[in-house]
Amino acid sequence: TLAYLFSDTKKRVTQLFSIGFGVVSLFLGLY
């Protein structure tokens, strides 16, 4: 809910957000 309420962000913010979660997920998978 909170992520959705504040998800109307610019492209760059959305990209950085997704890349950040992608990096964390990649690290956990390899770990």
Full PDB file with SEQRES, HELIX, SHEET, SSBOND, CRYST1, ORIGX, SCALE, CONECT and MASTER records, all heavy atoms in Angstrom:
SEQRES   1 A   31  THR LEU ALA TYR LEU PHE SER ASP THR LYS LYS ARG VAL          
SEQRES   2 A   31  THR GLN LEU PHE SER ILE GLY PHE GLY VAL VAL SER LEU          
SEQRES   3 A   31  PHE LEU GLY LEU TYR                                          
HELIX    1 AA1 LEU A    2  LEU A    5  1                                   4    
HELIX    2 AA2 LYS A   11  LEU A   30  1                                  20    
CRYST1    1.000    1.000    1.000  90.00  90.00  90.00 P 1           1          
ORIGX1      1.000000  0.000000  0.000000        0.00000                         
ORIGX2      0.000000  1.000000  0.000000        0.00000                         
ORIGX3      0.000000  0.000000  1.000000        0.00000                         
SCALE1      1.000000  0.000000  0.000000        0.00000                         
SCALE2      0.000000  1.000000  0.000000        0.00000                         
SCALE3      0.000000  0.000000  1.000000        0.00000                         
ATOM      1  N   THR A   1       0.825  -1.210   0.000  1.00  0.00           N  
ATOM      2  CA  THR A   1       0.000   0.000   0.000  1.00  0.00           C  
ATOM      3  C   THR A   1       0.860   1.262   0.000  1.00  0.00           C  
ATOM      4  O   THR A   1       0.641   2.171  -0.811  1.00  0.00           O  
ATOM      5  CB  THR A   1      -0.935   0.004   1.221  1.00  0.00           C  
ATOM      6  OG1 THR A   1      -1.760  -1.159   1.186  1.00  0.00           O  
ATOM      7  CG2 THR A   1      -1.814   1.240   1.217  1.00  0.00           C  
ATOM      8  N   LEU A   2       1.845   1.325   0.902  1.00  0.00           N  
ATOM      9  CA  LEU A   2       2.679   2.516   0.960  1.00  0.00           C  
ATOM     10  C   LEU A   2       3.551   2.654  -0.284  1.00  0.00           C  
ATOM     11  O   LEU A   2       3.743   3.761  -0.798  1.00  0.00           O  
ATOM     12  CB  LEU A   2       3.550   2.485   2.214  1.00  0.00           C  
ATOM     13  CG  LEU A   2       2.815   2.795   3.521  1.00  0.00           C  
ATOM     14  CD1 LEU A   2       3.745   2.680   4.714  1.00  0.00           C  
ATOM     15  CD2 LEU A   2       2.201   4.186   3.482  1.00  0.00           C  
ATOM     16  N   ALA A   3       4.072   1.532  -0.779  1.00  0.00           N  
ATOM     17  CA  ALA A   3       4.866   1.603  -2.005  1.00  0.00           C  
ATOM     18  C   ALA A   3       4.004   2.051  -3.178  1.00  0.00           C  
ATOM     19  O   ALA A   3       4.447   2.829  -4.038  1.00  0.00           O  
ATOM     20  CB  ALA A   3       5.501   0.237  -2.300  1.00  0.00           C  
ATOM     21  N   TYR A   4       2.756   1.603  -3.224  1.00  0.00           N  
ATOM     22  CA  TYR A   4       1.854   1.972  -4.311  1.00  0.00           C  
ATOM     23  C   TYR A   4       1.473   3.453  -4.246  1.00  0.00           C  
ATOM     24  O   TYR A   4       1.389   4.134  -5.275  1.00  0.00           O  
ATOM     25  CB  TYR A   4       0.604   1.096  -4.260  1.00  0.00           C  
ATOM     26  CG  TYR A   4      -0.317   1.258  -5.444  1.00  0.00           C  
ATOM     27  CD1 TYR A   4       0.025   0.713  -6.675  1.00  0.00           C  
ATOM     28  CD2 TYR A   4      -1.511   1.954  -5.336  1.00  0.00           C  
ATOM     29  CE1 TYR A   4      -0.810   0.858  -7.776  1.00  0.00           C  
ATOM     30  CE2 TYR A   4      -2.354   2.092  -6.421  1.00  0.00           C  
ATOM     31  CZ  TYR A   4      -1.998   1.554  -7.644  1.00  0.00           C  
ATOM     32  OH  TYR A   4      -2.825   1.705  -8.735  1.00  0.00           O  
ATOM     33  N   LEU A   5       1.253   3.949  -3.018  1.00  0.00           N  
ATOM     34  CA  LEU A   5       0.886   5.357  -2.852  1.00  0.00           C  
ATOM     35  C   LEU A   5       1.982   6.305  -3.335  1.00  0.00           C  
ATOM     36  O   LEU A   5       1.702   7.413  -3.786  1.00  0.00           O  
ATOM     37  CB  LEU A   5       0.567   5.644  -1.386  1.00  0.00           C  
ATOM     38  CG  LEU A   5      -0.718   5.027  -0.821  1.00  0.00           C  
ATOM     39  CD1 LEU A   5      -0.856   5.319   0.658  1.00  0.00           C  
ATOM     40  CD2 LEU A   5      -1.945   5.527  -1.570  1.00  0.00           C  
ATOM     41  N   PHE A   6       3.237   5.849  -3.234  1.00  0.00           N  
ATOM     42  CA  PHE A   6       4.364   6.703  -3.617  1.00  0.00           C  
ATOM     43  C   PHE A   6       5.062   6.201  -4.875  1.00  0.00           C  
ATOM     44  O   PHE A   6       6.220   6.534  -5.130  1.00  0.00           O  
ATOM     45  CB  PHE A   6       5.366   6.785  -2.468  1.00  0.00           C  
ATOM     46  CG  PHE A   6       4.861   7.530  -1.273  1.00  0.00           C  
ATOM     47  CD1 PHE A   6       4.210   6.862  -0.246  1.00  0.00           C  
ATOM     48  CD2 PHE A   6       5.004   8.904  -1.179  1.00  0.00           C  
ATOM     49  CE1 PHE A   6       3.731   7.541   0.852  1.00  0.00           C  
ATOM     50  CE2 PHE A   6       4.526   9.597  -0.084  1.00  0.00           C  
ATOM     51  CZ  PHE A   6       3.879   8.917   0.938  1.00  0.00           C  
ATOM     52  N   SER A   7       4.364   5.399  -5.660  1.00  0.00           N  
ATOM     53  CA  SER A   7       4.998   4.802  -6.844  1.00  0.00           C  
ATOM     54  C   SER A   7       4.847   5.645  -8.104  1.00  0.00           C  
ATOM     55  O   SER A   7       5.322   5.245  -9.169  1.00  0.00           O  
ATOM     56  CB  SER A   7       4.418   3.401  -7.103  1.00  0.00           C  
ATOM     57  OG  SER A   7       3.036   3.469  -7.388  1.00  0.00           O  
ATOM     58  N   ASP A   8       4.180   6.802  -8.024  1.00  0.00           N  
ATOM     59  CA  ASP A   8       4.045   7.658  -9.201  1.00  0.00           C  
ATOM     60  C   ASP A   8       5.294   8.539  -9.340  1.00  0.00           C  
ATOM     61  O   ASP A   8       5.228   9.768  -9.299  1.00  0.00           O  
ATOM     62  CB  ASP A   8       2.776   8.502  -9.128  1.00  0.00           C  
ATOM     63  CG  ASP A   8       2.706   9.320  -7.845  1.00  0.00           C  
ATOM     64  OD1 ASP A   8       3.446   9.008  -6.890  1.00  0.00           O  
ATOM     65  OD2 ASP A   8       1.920  10.281  -7.807  1.00  0.00           O  
ATOM     66  N   THR A   9       6.420   7.902  -9.491  1.00  0.00           N  
ATOM     67  CA  THR A   9       7.698   8.591  -9.541  1.00  0.00           C  
ATOM     68  C   THR A   9       8.186   8.722 -10.985  1.00  0.00           C  
ATOM     69  O   THR A   9       7.617   8.138 -11.918  1.00  0.00           O  
ATOM     70  CB  THR A   9       8.747   7.819  -8.729  1.00  0.00           C  
ATOM     71  OG1 THR A   9       8.871   6.488  -9.262  1.00  0.00           O  
ATOM     72  CG2 THR A   9       8.332   7.716  -7.279  1.00  0.00           C  
ATOM     73  N   LYS A  10       9.271   9.451 -11.155  1.00  0.00           N  
ATOM     74  CA  LYS A  10       9.868   9.603 -12.465  1.00  0.00           C  
ATOM     75  C   LYS A  10      10.548   8.313 -12.897  1.00  0.00           C  
ATOM     76  O   LYS A  10      10.823   7.429 -12.094  1.00  0.00           O  
ATOM     77  CB  LYS A  10      10.872  10.753 -12.452  1.00  0.00           C  
ATOM     78  CG  LYS A  10      10.251  12.119 -12.190  1.00  0.00           C  
ATOM     79  CD  LYS A  10      11.301  13.205 -12.226  1.00  0.00           C  
ATOM     80  CE  LYS A  10      10.672  14.578 -11.986  1.00  0.00           C  
ATOM     81  NZ  LYS A  10      11.691  15.667 -12.027  1.00  0.00           N  
ATOM     82  N   LYS A  11      10.851   8.251 -14.196  1.00  0.00           N  
ATOM     83  CA  LYS A  11      11.454   7.036 -14.747  1.00  0.00           C  
ATOM     84  C   LYS A  11      12.750   6.675 -14.035  1.00  0.00           C  
ATOM     85  O   LYS A  11      12.993   5.510 -13.723  1.00  0.00           O  
ATOM     86  CB  LYS A  11      11.731   7.203 -16.246  1.00  0.00           C  
ATOM     87  CG  LYS A  11      10.520   7.155 -17.127  1.00  0.00           C  
ATOM     88  CD  LYS A  11      10.900   6.826 -18.562  1.00  0.00           C  
ATOM     89  CE  LYS A  11      11.993   7.753 -19.091  1.00  0.00           C  
ATOM     90  NZ  LYS A  11      12.339   7.423 -20.491  1.00  0.00           N  
ATOM     91  N   ARG A  12      13.586   7.658 -13.789  1.00  0.00           N  
ATOM     92  CA  ARG A  12      14.888   7.385 -13.201  1.00  0.00           C  
ATOM     93  C   ARG A  12      14.757   6.813 -11.794  1.00  0.00           C  
ATOM     94  O   ARG A  12      15.486   5.889 -11.425  1.00  0.00           O  
ATOM     95  CB  ARG A  12      15.738   8.651 -13.190  1.00  0.00           C  
ATOM     96  CG  ARG A  12      17.180   8.428 -12.745  1.00  0.00           C  
ATOM     97  CD  ARG A  12      18.008   9.672 -12.945  1.00  0.00           C  
ATOM     98  NE  ARG A  12      18.090  10.032 -14.345  1.00  0.00           N  
ATOM     99  CZ  ARG A  12      18.954   9.490 -15.206  1.00  0.00           C  
ATOM    100  NH1 ARG A  12      19.797   8.559 -14.787  1.00  0.00           N  
ATOM    101  NH2 ARG A  12      18.969   9.879 -16.456  1.00  0.00           N  
ATOM    102  N   VAL A  13      13.828   7.360 -11.014  1.00  0.00           N  
ATOM    103  CA  VAL A  13      13.616   6.852  -9.662  1.00  0.00           C  
ATOM    104  C   VAL A  13      13.097   5.421  -9.708  1.00  0.00           C  
ATOM    105  O   VAL A  13      13.532   4.552  -8.942  1.00  0.00           O  
ATOM    106  CB  VAL A  13      12.639   7.755  -8.894  1.00  0.00           C  
ATOM    107  CG1 VAL A  13      12.342   7.186  -7.511  1.00  0.00           C  
ATOM    108  CG2 VAL A  13      13.218   9.163  -8.765  1.00  0.00           C  
ATOM    109  N   THR A  14      12.156   5.171 -10.617  1.00  0.00           N  
ATOM    110  CA  THR A  14      11.623   3.820 -10.765  1.00  0.00           C  
ATOM    111  C   THR A  14      12.713   2.833 -11.176  1.00  0.00           C  
ATOM    112  O   THR A  14      12.780   1.714 -10.664  1.00  0.00           O  
ATOM    113  CB  THR A  14      10.494   3.809 -11.814  1.00  0.00           C  
ATOM    114  OG1 THR A  14       9.470   4.725 -11.418  1.00  0.00           O  
ATOM    115  CG2 THR A  14       9.887   2.420 -11.955  1.00  0.00           C  
ATOM    116  N   GLN A  15      13.577   3.255 -12.085  1.00  0.00           N  
ATOM    117  CA  GLN A  15      14.676   2.396 -12.521  1.00  0.00           C  
ATOM    118  C   GLN A  15      15.628   2.092 -11.374  1.00  0.00           C  
ATOM    119  O   GLN A  15      16.007   0.933 -11.167  1.00  0.00           O  
ATOM    120  CB  GLN A  15      15.448   3.072 -13.669  1.00  0.00           C  
ATOM    121  CG  GLN A  15      14.713   3.073 -14.998  1.00  0.00           C  
ATOM    122  CD  GLN A  15      15.529   3.783 -16.066  1.00  0.00           C  
ATOM    123  OE1 GLN A  15      15.470   5.004 -16.223  1.00  0.00           O  
ATOM    124  NE2 GLN A  15      16.302   3.016 -16.803  1.00  0.00           N  
ATOM    125  N   LEU A  16      16.010   3.131 -10.629  1.00  0.00           N  
ATOM    126  CA  LEU A  16      16.935   2.931  -9.508  1.00  0.00           C  
ATOM    127  C   LEU A  16      16.318   2.029  -8.445  1.00  0.00           C  
ATOM    128  O   LEU A  16      17.000   1.178  -7.859  1.00  0.00           O  
ATOM    129  CB  LEU A  16      17.322   4.279  -8.905  1.00  0.00           C  
ATOM    130  CG  LEU A  16      18.192   5.185  -9.788  1.00  0.00           C  
ATOM    131  CD1 LEU A  16      18.403   6.545  -9.118  1.00  0.00           C  
ATOM    132  CD2 LEU A  16      19.546   4.529 -10.069  1.00  0.00           C  
ATOM    133  N   PHE A  17      15.032   2.222  -8.188  1.00  0.00           N  
ATOM    134  CA  PHE A  17      14.318   1.400  -7.217  1.00  0.00           C  
ATOM    135  C   PHE A  17      14.345  -0.070  -7.645  1.00  0.00           C  
ATOM    136  O   PHE A  17      14.679  -0.956  -6.857  1.00  0.00           O  
ATOM    137  CB  PHE A  17      12.882   1.902  -7.094  1.00  0.00           C  
ATOM    138  CG  PHE A  17      12.087   1.243  -6.007  1.00  0.00           C  
ATOM    139  CD1 PHE A  17      12.086   1.740  -4.726  1.00  0.00           C  
ATOM    140  CD2 PHE A  17      11.314   0.114  -6.281  1.00  0.00           C  
ATOM    141  CE1 PHE A  17      11.347   1.134  -3.722  1.00  0.00           C  
ATOM    142  CE2 PHE A  17      10.574  -0.504  -5.290  1.00  0.00           C  
ATOM    143  CZ  PHE A  17      10.588   0.014  -4.006  1.00  0.00           C  
ATOM    144  N   SER A  18      14.014  -0.330  -8.903  1.00  0.00           N  
ATOM    145  CA  SER A  18      13.972  -1.705  -9.406  1.00  0.00           C  
ATOM    146  C   SER A  18      15.362  -2.314  -9.487  1.00  0.00           C  
ATOM    147  O   SER A  18      15.548  -3.499  -9.159  1.00  0.00           O  
ATOM    148  CB  SER A  18      13.307  -1.733 -10.786  1.00  0.00           C  
ATOM    149  OG  SER A  18      11.970  -1.280 -10.710  1.00  0.00           O  
ATOM    150  N   ILE A  19      16.340  -1.525  -9.902  1.00  0.00           N  
ATOM    151  CA  ILE A  19      17.707  -2.037  -9.948  1.00  0.00           C  
ATOM    152  C   ILE A  19      18.198  -2.395  -8.550  1.00  0.00           C  
ATOM    153  O   ILE A  19      18.861  -3.418  -8.339  1.00  0.00           O  
ATOM    154  CB  ILE A  19      18.642  -1.008 -10.609  1.00  0.00           C  
ATOM    155  CG1 ILE A  19      18.319  -0.887 -12.104  1.00  0.00           C  
ATOM    156  CG2 ILE A  19      20.109  -1.400 -10.426  1.00  0.00           C  
ATOM    157  CD1 ILE A  19      19.089   0.221 -12.807  1.00  0.00           C  
ATOM    158  N   GLY A  20      17.848  -1.552  -7.569  1.00  0.00           N  
ATOM    159  CA  GLY A  20      18.239  -1.833  -6.189  1.00  0.00           C  
ATOM    160  C   GLY A  20      17.671  -3.144  -5.695  1.00  0.00           C  
ATOM    161  O   GLY A  20      18.396  -3.973  -5.117  1.00  0.00           O  
ATOM    162  N   PHE A  21      16.386  -3.369  -5.923  1.00  0.00           N  
ATOM    163  CA  PHE A  21      15.772  -4.634  -5.511  1.00  0.00           C  
ATOM    164  C   PHE A  21      16.329  -5.799  -6.318  1.00  0.00           C  
ATOM    165  O   PHE A  21      16.463  -6.914  -5.806  1.00  0.00           O  
ATOM    166  CB  PHE A  21      14.251  -4.554  -5.655  1.00  0.00           C  
ATOM    167  CG  PHE A  21      13.566  -3.995  -4.447  1.00  0.00           C  
ATOM    168  CD1 PHE A  21      13.427  -2.619  -4.289  1.00  0.00           C  
ATOM    169  CD2 PHE A  21      13.077  -4.822  -3.458  1.00  0.00           C  
ATOM    170  CE1 PHE A  21      12.814  -2.093  -3.170  1.00  0.00           C  
ATOM    171  CE2 PHE A  21      12.452  -4.307  -2.335  1.00  0.00           C  
ATOM    172  CZ  PHE A  21      12.319  -2.927  -2.187  1.00  0.00           C  
ATOM    173  N   GLY A  22      16.664  -5.541  -7.582  1.00  0.00           N  
ATOM    174  CA  GLY A  22      17.258  -6.585  -8.405  1.00  0.00           C  
ATOM    175  C   GLY A  22      18.624  -6.997  -7.900  1.00  0.00           C  
ATOM    176  O   GLY A  22      18.946  -8.198  -7.850  1.00  0.00           O  
ATOM    177  N   VAL A  23      19.428  -6.022  -7.503  1.00  0.00           N  
ATOM    178  CA  VAL A  23      20.767  -6.327  -6.983  1.00  0.00           C  
ATOM    179  C   VAL A  23      20.678  -7.112  -5.677  1.00  0.00           C  
ATOM    180  O   VAL A  23      21.411  -8.091  -5.470  1.00  0.00           O  
ATOM    181  CB  VAL A  23      21.567  -5.020  -6.786  1.00  0.00           C  
ATOM    182  CG1 VAL A  23      22.859  -5.299  -6.016  1.00  0.00           C  
ATOM    183  CG2 VAL A  23      21.886  -4.381  -8.132  1.00  0.00           C  
ATOM    184  N   VAL A  24      19.775  -6.694  -4.785  1.00  0.00           N  
ATOM    185  CA  VAL A  24      19.597  -7.415  -3.520  1.00  0.00           C  
ATOM    186  C   VAL A  24      19.145  -8.851  -3.774  1.00  0.00           C  
ATOM    187  O   VAL A  24      19.664  -9.803  -3.173  1.00  0.00           O  
ATOM    188  CB  VAL A  24      18.582  -6.689  -2.615  1.00  0.00           C  
ATOM    189  CG1 VAL A  24      18.252  -7.536  -1.387  1.00  0.00           C  
ATOM    190  CG2 VAL A  24      19.133  -5.340  -2.181  1.00  0.00           C  
ATOM    191  N   SER A  25      18.196  -9.033  -4.691  1.00  0.00           N  
ATOM    192  CA  SER A  25      17.700 -10.373  -5.010  1.00  0.00           C  
ATOM    193  C   SER A  25      18.794 -11.223  -5.651  1.00  0.00           C  
ATOM    194  O   SER A  25      18.930 -12.420  -5.341  1.00  0.00           O  
ATOM    195  CB  SER A  25      16.494 -10.278  -5.945  1.00  0.00           C  
ATOM    196  OG  SER A  25      15.445  -9.532  -5.359  1.00  0.00           O  
ATOM    197  N   LEU A  26      19.579 -10.617  -6.531  1.00  0.00           N  
ATOM    198  CA  LEU A  26      20.692 -11.339  -7.169  1.00  0.00           C  
ATOM    199  C   LEU A  26      21.712 -11.781  -6.136  1.00  0.00           C  
ATOM    200  O   LEU A  26      22.190 -12.924  -6.161  1.00  0.00           O  
ATOM    201  CB  LEU A  26      21.348 -10.440  -8.215  1.00  0.00           C  
ATOM    202  CG  LEU A  26      22.569 -11.025  -8.946  1.00  0.00           C  
ATOM    203  CD1 LEU A  26      22.171 -12.267  -9.735  1.00  0.00           C  
ATOM    204  CD2 LEU A  26      23.185  -9.963  -9.850  1.00  0.00           C  
ATOM    205  N   PHE A  27      22.034 -10.895  -5.222  1.00  0.00           N  
ATOM    206  CA  PHE A  27      22.990 -11.233  -4.161  1.00  0.00           C  
ATOM    207  C   PHE A  27      22.467 -12.390  -3.312  1.00  0.00           C  
ATOM    208  O   PHE A  27      23.216 -13.331  -2.994  1.00  0.00           O  
ATOM    209  CB  PHE A  27      23.251 -10.015  -3.284  1.00  0.00           C  
ATOM    210  CG  PHE A  27      24.051 -10.305  -2.050  1.00  0.00           C  
ATOM    211  CD1 PHE A  27      25.431 -10.475  -2.128  1.00  0.00           C  
ATOM    212  CD2 PHE A  27      23.429 -10.432  -0.813  1.00  0.00           C  
ATOM    213  CE1 PHE A  27      26.173 -10.754  -0.986  1.00  0.00           C  
ATOM    214  CE2 PHE A  27      24.159 -10.709   0.327  1.00  0.00           C  
ATOM    215  CZ  PHE A  27      25.531 -10.869   0.240  1.00  0.00           C  
ATOM    216  N   LEU A  28      21.180 -12.330  -2.928  1.00  0.00           N  
ATOM    217  CA  LEU A  28      20.609 -13.388  -2.097  1.00  0.00           C  
ATOM    218  C   LEU A  28      20.579 -14.720  -2.843  1.00  0.00           C  
ATOM    219  O   LEU A  28      20.805 -15.786  -2.247  1.00  0.00           O  
ATOM    220  CB  LEU A  28      19.203 -13.001  -1.649  1.00  0.00           C  
ATOM    221  CG  LEU A  28      19.108 -11.844  -0.648  1.00  0.00           C  
ATOM    222  CD1 LEU A  28      17.649 -11.474  -0.403  1.00  0.00           C  
ATOM    223  CD2 LEU A  28      19.780 -12.210   0.665  1.00  0.00           C  
ATOM    224  N   GLY A  29      20.296 -14.678  -4.149  1.00  0.00           N  
ATOM    225  CA  GLY A  29      20.293 -15.904  -4.929  1.00  0.00           C  
ATOM    226  C   GLY A  29      21.672 -16.541  -5.005  1.00  0.00           C  
ATOM    227  O   GLY A  29      21.828 -17.758  -4.779  1.00  0.00           O  
ATOM    228  N   LEU A  30      22.679 -15.744  -5.317  1.00  0.00           N  
ATOM    229  CA  LEU A  30      24.051 -16.257  -5.389  1.00  0.00           C  
ATOM    230  C   LEU A  30      24.560 -16.669  -4.010  1.00  0.00           C  
ATOM    231  O   LEU A  30      25.264 -17.669  -3.862  1.00  0.00           O  
ATOM    232  CB  LEU A  30      24.968 -15.205  -6.002  1.00  0.00           C  
ATOM    233  CG  LEU A  30      24.660 -14.826  -7.464  1.00  0.00           C  
ATOM    234  CD1 LEU A  30      25.586 -13.709  -7.925  1.00  0.00           C  
ATOM    235  CD2 LEU A  30      24.792 -16.050  -8.374  1.00  0.00           C  
ATOM    236  N   TYR A  31      24.210 -15.896  -3.008  1.00  0.00           N  
ATOM    237  CA  TYR A  31      24.595 -16.183  -1.628  1.00  0.00           C  
ATOM    238  C   TYR A  31      24.030 -17.533  -1.198  1.00  0.00           C  
ATOM    239  O   TYR A  31      24.722 -18.348  -0.570  1.00  0.00           O  
ATOM    240  CB  TYR A  31      24.059 -15.061  -0.735  1.00  0.00           C  
ATOM    241  CG  TYR A  31      24.498 -15.095   0.697  1.00  0.00           C  
ATOM    242  CD1 TYR A  31      25.801 -14.783   1.052  1.00  0.00           C  
ATOM    243  CD2 TYR A  31      23.591 -15.395   1.713  1.00  0.00           C  
ATOM    244  CE1 TYR A  31      26.203 -14.785   2.377  1.00  0.00           C  
ATOM    245  CE2 TYR A  31      23.972 -15.395   3.039  1.00  0.00           C  
ATOM    246  CZ  TYR A  31      25.285 -15.090   3.373  1.00  0.00           C  
ATOM    247  OH  TYR A  31      25.674 -15.098   4.686  1.00  0.00           O  
TER     248      TYR A  31                                                      
MASTER        0    0    0    2    0    0    0    6  247    1    0    3          
END                                                                             
